[in-house]
Every structure is written in structure tokens, then in C-alpha cells.
Amino acid sequence: TRPESELAEALRERLKIISNEASRRDPDQHVTRLREISERIGTLAAALPQPIPPRLAHFLDRRSYDKALAFLESRAD
């Protein structure tokens, strides 16, 4: 679904931010970017059509975002 695709894209963006060496050189900016993408992930997760799959809900509740992304990508195949 579109909401799942948008959530997956936000989760991928989070991984890019985490792995961005240049971003990490400015800790304040890095933390701000992580906070912003985390808020976006929360907003997108809340907008998912209900009920969401229990495993996905578990991953999102626990902030296991790598697992949430893997779950979403496996459903997209």
C-alpha cells in the first residue's frame, strides 16, 4: 500500500542518516536529523491502515526499524 511504501522509504532514509559520515561530524545536526526522521516514522506508522500486521506492530513499537523495513520489503515482493 502507499502508506507502507512511504514508511519503508522513511526507514531507508533513517539508515542513510545513520551511515552518513559527514552528518556524524556535526553531532547536533545529526541528532536533529535523526529526531526528525524518527518523528516522521512515527507519524507514518500511525497512519497505516488498521489493523496492521502484529509482527510489524511489534517491530514499530520496539523501534526495531531494521526489522520493520525487512518486513515491509518482504511484503512488497
N, C-alpha and C. Protein backbone atom coordinates (compact mmCIF):
# COMPACT_ATOMS: atom_id res chain seq x y z
N THR A 1 0.84 -1.19 0.00
CA THR A 1 0.00 0.00 0.00
C THR A 1 0.88 1.25 0.00
N ARG A 2 0.29 2.35 -0.35
CA ARG A 2 1.05 3.61 -0.37
C ARG A 2 1.58 3.97 1.02
N PRO A 3 0.77 3.88 2.08
CA PRO A 3 1.32 4.20 3.41
C PRO A 3 2.51 3.31 3.78
N GLU A 4 2.44 2.02 3.43
CA GLU A 4 3.56 1.12 3.72
C GLU A 4 4.79 1.52 2.92
N SER A 5 4.60 1.92 1.66
CA SER A 5 5.73 2.35 0.82
C SER A 5 6.38 3.61 1.39
N GLU A 6 5.56 4.54 1.85
CA GLU A 6 6.10 5.77 2.44
C GLU A 6 6.86 5.48 3.73
N LEU A 7 6.33 4.56 4.53
CA LEU A 7 7.01 4.17 5.76
C LEU A 7 8.34 3.50 5.43
N ALA A 8 8.34 2.60 4.46
CA ALA A 8 9.59 1.93 4.06
C ALA A 8 10.62 2.95 3.60
N GLU A 9 10.19 3.94 2.84
CA GLU A 9 11.12 4.98 2.37
C GLU A 9 11.69 5.77 3.54
N ALA A 10 10.87 6.10 4.52
CA ALA A 10 11.35 6.82 5.70
C ALA A 10 12.34 5.96 6.49
N LEU A 11 12.08 4.67 6.57
CA LEU A 11 13.00 3.77 7.27
C LEU A 11 14.34 3.69 6.53
N ARG A 12 14.29 3.69 5.20
CA ARG A 12 15.53 3.70 4.41
C ARG A 12 16.29 5.01 4.63
N GLU A 13 15.56 6.12 4.68
CA GLU A 13 16.19 7.42 4.91
C GLU A 13 16.89 7.44 6.27
N ARG A 14 16.28 6.84 7.27
CA ARG A 14 16.89 6.76 8.60
C ARG A 14 18.23 6.03 8.52
N LEU A 15 18.28 4.93 7.77
CA LEU A 15 19.53 4.19 7.62
C LEU A 15 20.60 5.04 6.93
N LYS A 16 20.19 5.83 5.94
CA LYS A 16 21.14 6.71 5.25
C LYS A 16 21.71 7.74 6.22
N ILE A 17 20.86 8.30 7.05
CA ILE A 17 21.31 9.30 8.02
C ILE A 17 22.30 8.67 8.99
N ILE A 18 21.98 7.49 9.49
CA ILE A 18 22.85 6.81 10.45
C ILE A 18 24.22 6.54 9.85
N SER A 19 24.26 6.14 8.58
CA SER A 19 25.53 5.75 7.97
C SER A 19 26.28 6.92 7.34
N ASN A 20 25.73 8.12 7.38
CA ASN A 20 26.34 9.28 6.75
C ASN A 20 27.47 9.82 7.63
N GLU A 21 28.70 9.58 7.18
CA GLU A 21 29.88 10.01 7.94
C GLU A 21 29.92 11.53 8.10
N ALA A 22 29.61 12.26 7.05
CA ALA A 22 29.66 13.72 7.12
C ALA A 22 28.66 14.25 8.13
N SER A 23 27.49 13.66 8.16
CA SER A 23 26.46 14.09 9.10
C SER A 23 26.91 13.88 10.54
N ARG A 24 27.60 12.78 10.78
CA ARG A 24 28.02 12.46 12.15
C ARG A 24 29.11 13.40 12.65
N ARG A 25 29.77 14.11 11.76
CA ARG A 25 30.80 15.06 12.18
C ARG A 25 30.20 16.28 12.88
N ASP A 26 28.91 16.52 12.64
CA ASP A 26 28.20 17.61 13.32
C ASP A 26 27.12 16.96 14.18
N PRO A 27 27.48 16.59 15.42
CA PRO A 27 26.56 15.82 16.26
C PRO A 27 25.19 16.47 16.46
N ASP A 28 25.15 17.79 16.62
CA ASP A 28 23.86 18.45 16.83
C ASP A 28 22.95 18.28 15.62
N GLN A 29 23.51 18.52 14.44
CA GLN A 29 22.73 18.37 13.22
C GLN A 29 22.33 16.91 13.02
N HIS A 30 23.24 16.00 13.30
CA HIS A 30 22.98 14.57 13.13
C HIS A 30 21.80 14.14 14.02
N VAL A 31 21.83 14.55 15.27
CA VAL A 31 20.75 14.19 16.20
C VAL A 31 19.44 14.83 15.76
N THR A 32 19.50 16.06 15.27
CA THR A 32 18.29 16.73 14.79
C THR A 32 17.69 15.97 13.61
N ARG A 33 18.53 15.56 12.66
CA ARG A 33 18.04 14.80 11.51
C ARG A 33 17.45 13.46 11.95
N LEU A 34 18.09 12.80 12.89
CA LEU A 34 17.55 11.52 13.39
C LEU A 34 16.22 11.73 14.10
N ARG A 35 16.12 12.79 14.87
CA ARG A 35 14.87 13.09 15.58
C ARG A 35 13.75 13.34 14.57
N GLU A 36 14.05 14.13 13.54
CA GLU A 36 13.04 14.46 12.53
C GLU A 36 12.55 13.22 11.79
N ILE A 37 13.48 12.35 11.38
CA ILE A 37 13.06 11.16 10.64
C ILE A 37 12.33 10.19 11.58
N SER A 38 12.72 10.15 12.83
CA SER A 38 12.01 9.29 13.79
C SER A 38 10.58 9.77 13.99
N GLU A 39 10.39 11.08 14.04
CA GLU A 39 9.04 11.63 14.16
C GLU A 39 8.22 11.30 12.92
N ARG A 40 8.85 11.40 11.75
CA ARG A 40 8.15 11.06 10.50
C ARG A 40 7.77 9.59 10.49
N ILE A 41 8.66 8.73 10.94
CA ILE A 41 8.35 7.30 11.01
C ILE A 41 7.15 7.08 11.92
N GLY A 42 7.14 7.74 13.06
CA GLY A 42 6.01 7.60 13.99
C GLY A 42 4.70 8.06 13.38
N THR A 43 4.75 9.18 12.66
CA THR A 43 3.55 9.71 12.00
C THR A 43 3.05 8.75 10.93
N LEU A 44 3.98 8.24 10.12
CA LEU A 44 3.60 7.31 9.05
C LEU A 44 3.08 6.00 9.62
N ALA A 45 3.70 5.52 10.69
CA ALA A 45 3.24 4.27 11.32
C ALA A 45 1.82 4.44 11.84
N ALA A 46 1.53 5.59 12.43
CA ALA A 46 0.19 5.84 12.96
C ALA A 46 -0.85 5.94 11.86
N ALA A 47 -0.42 6.28 10.65
CA ALA A 47 -1.34 6.44 9.52
C ALA A 47 -1.58 5.14 8.74
N LEU A 48 -0.89 4.07 9.13
CA LEU A 48 -1.09 2.80 8.42
C LEU A 48 -2.53 2.33 8.58
N PRO A 49 -3.07 1.72 7.52
CA PRO A 49 -4.42 1.16 7.63
C PRO A 49 -4.47 0.12 8.75
N GLN A 50 -5.52 0.18 9.52
CA GLN A 50 -5.69 -0.74 10.65
C GLN A 50 -6.51 -1.94 10.21
N PRO A 51 -6.32 -3.09 10.78
CA PRO A 51 -5.24 -3.41 11.71
C PRO A 51 -3.94 -3.66 10.96
N ILE A 52 -2.83 -3.27 11.56
CA ILE A 52 -1.56 -3.56 10.92
C ILE A 52 -1.12 -4.95 11.36
N PRO A 53 -0.30 -5.61 10.55
CA PRO A 53 0.14 -6.95 10.92
C PRO A 53 0.82 -6.94 12.29
N PRO A 54 0.51 -7.92 13.14
CA PRO A 54 1.07 -7.94 14.50
C PRO A 54 2.59 -7.88 14.55
N ARG A 55 3.27 -8.57 13.63
CA ARG A 55 4.75 -8.53 13.65
C ARG A 55 5.25 -7.12 13.36
N LEU A 56 4.63 -6.46 12.39
CA LEU A 56 5.04 -5.09 12.06
C LEU A 56 4.77 -4.17 13.25
N ALA A 57 3.62 -4.32 13.87
CA ALA A 57 3.30 -3.51 15.05
C ALA A 57 4.35 -3.72 16.14
N HIS A 58 4.74 -4.97 16.34
CA HIS A 58 5.76 -5.29 17.35
C HIS A 58 7.08 -4.58 17.03
N PHE A 59 7.52 -4.69 15.77
CA PHE A 59 8.78 -4.06 15.38
C PHE A 59 8.72 -2.54 15.56
N LEU A 60 7.62 -1.94 15.18
CA LEU A 60 7.49 -0.48 15.30
C LEU A 60 7.40 -0.05 16.76
N ASP A 61 6.65 -0.79 17.56
CA ASP A 61 6.54 -0.46 18.99
C ASP A 61 7.89 -0.53 19.68
N ARG A 62 8.71 -1.50 19.29
CA ARG A 62 10.02 -1.70 19.90
C ARG A 62 11.12 -0.87 19.23
N ARG A 63 10.71 -0.12 18.21
CA ARG A 63 11.66 0.67 17.41
C ARG A 63 12.74 -0.20 16.79
N SER A 64 12.35 -1.40 16.41
CA SER A 64 13.23 -2.31 15.66
C SER A 64 13.05 -1.98 14.19
N TYR A 65 13.56 -0.82 13.81
CA TYR A 65 13.27 -0.29 12.49
C TYR A 65 13.90 -1.09 11.35
N ASP A 66 15.06 -1.71 11.58
CA ASP A 66 15.65 -2.55 10.54
C ASP A 66 14.74 -3.74 10.26
N LYS A 67 14.20 -4.33 11.31
CA LYS A 67 13.29 -5.47 11.15
C LYS A 67 11.98 -5.03 10.52
N ALA A 68 11.50 -3.85 10.88
CA ALA A 68 10.27 -3.33 10.27
C ALA A 68 10.47 -3.14 8.77
N LEU A 69 11.62 -2.60 8.38
CA LEU A 69 11.90 -2.40 6.97
C LEU A 69 11.99 -3.74 6.24
N ALA A 70 12.67 -4.71 6.83
CA ALA A 70 12.77 -6.03 6.21
C ALA A 70 11.38 -6.65 6.04
N PHE A 71 10.53 -6.48 7.04
CA PHE A 71 9.16 -7.00 6.96
C PHE A 71 8.41 -6.34 5.80
N LEU A 72 8.49 -5.02 5.70
CA LEU A 72 7.79 -4.31 4.63
C LEU A 72 8.34 -4.69 3.26
N GLU A 73 9.64 -4.83 3.15
CA GLU A 73 10.24 -5.21 1.87
C GLU A 73 9.86 -6.62 1.47
N SER A 74 9.71 -7.52 2.42
CA SER A 74 9.33 -8.90 2.10
C SER A 74 7.89 -8.95 1.59
N ARG A 75 7.05 -8.03 2.03
CA ARG A 75 5.66 -7.99 1.57
C ARG A 75 5.54 -7.34 0.20
N ALA A 76 6.53 -6.55 -0.18
CA ALA A 76 6.48 -5.84 -1.45
C ALA A 76 6.84 -6.74 -2.63
N ASP A 77 7.45 -7.86 -2.34
CA ASP A 77 7.87 -8.78 -3.42
C ASP A 77 6.70 -9.42 -4.12
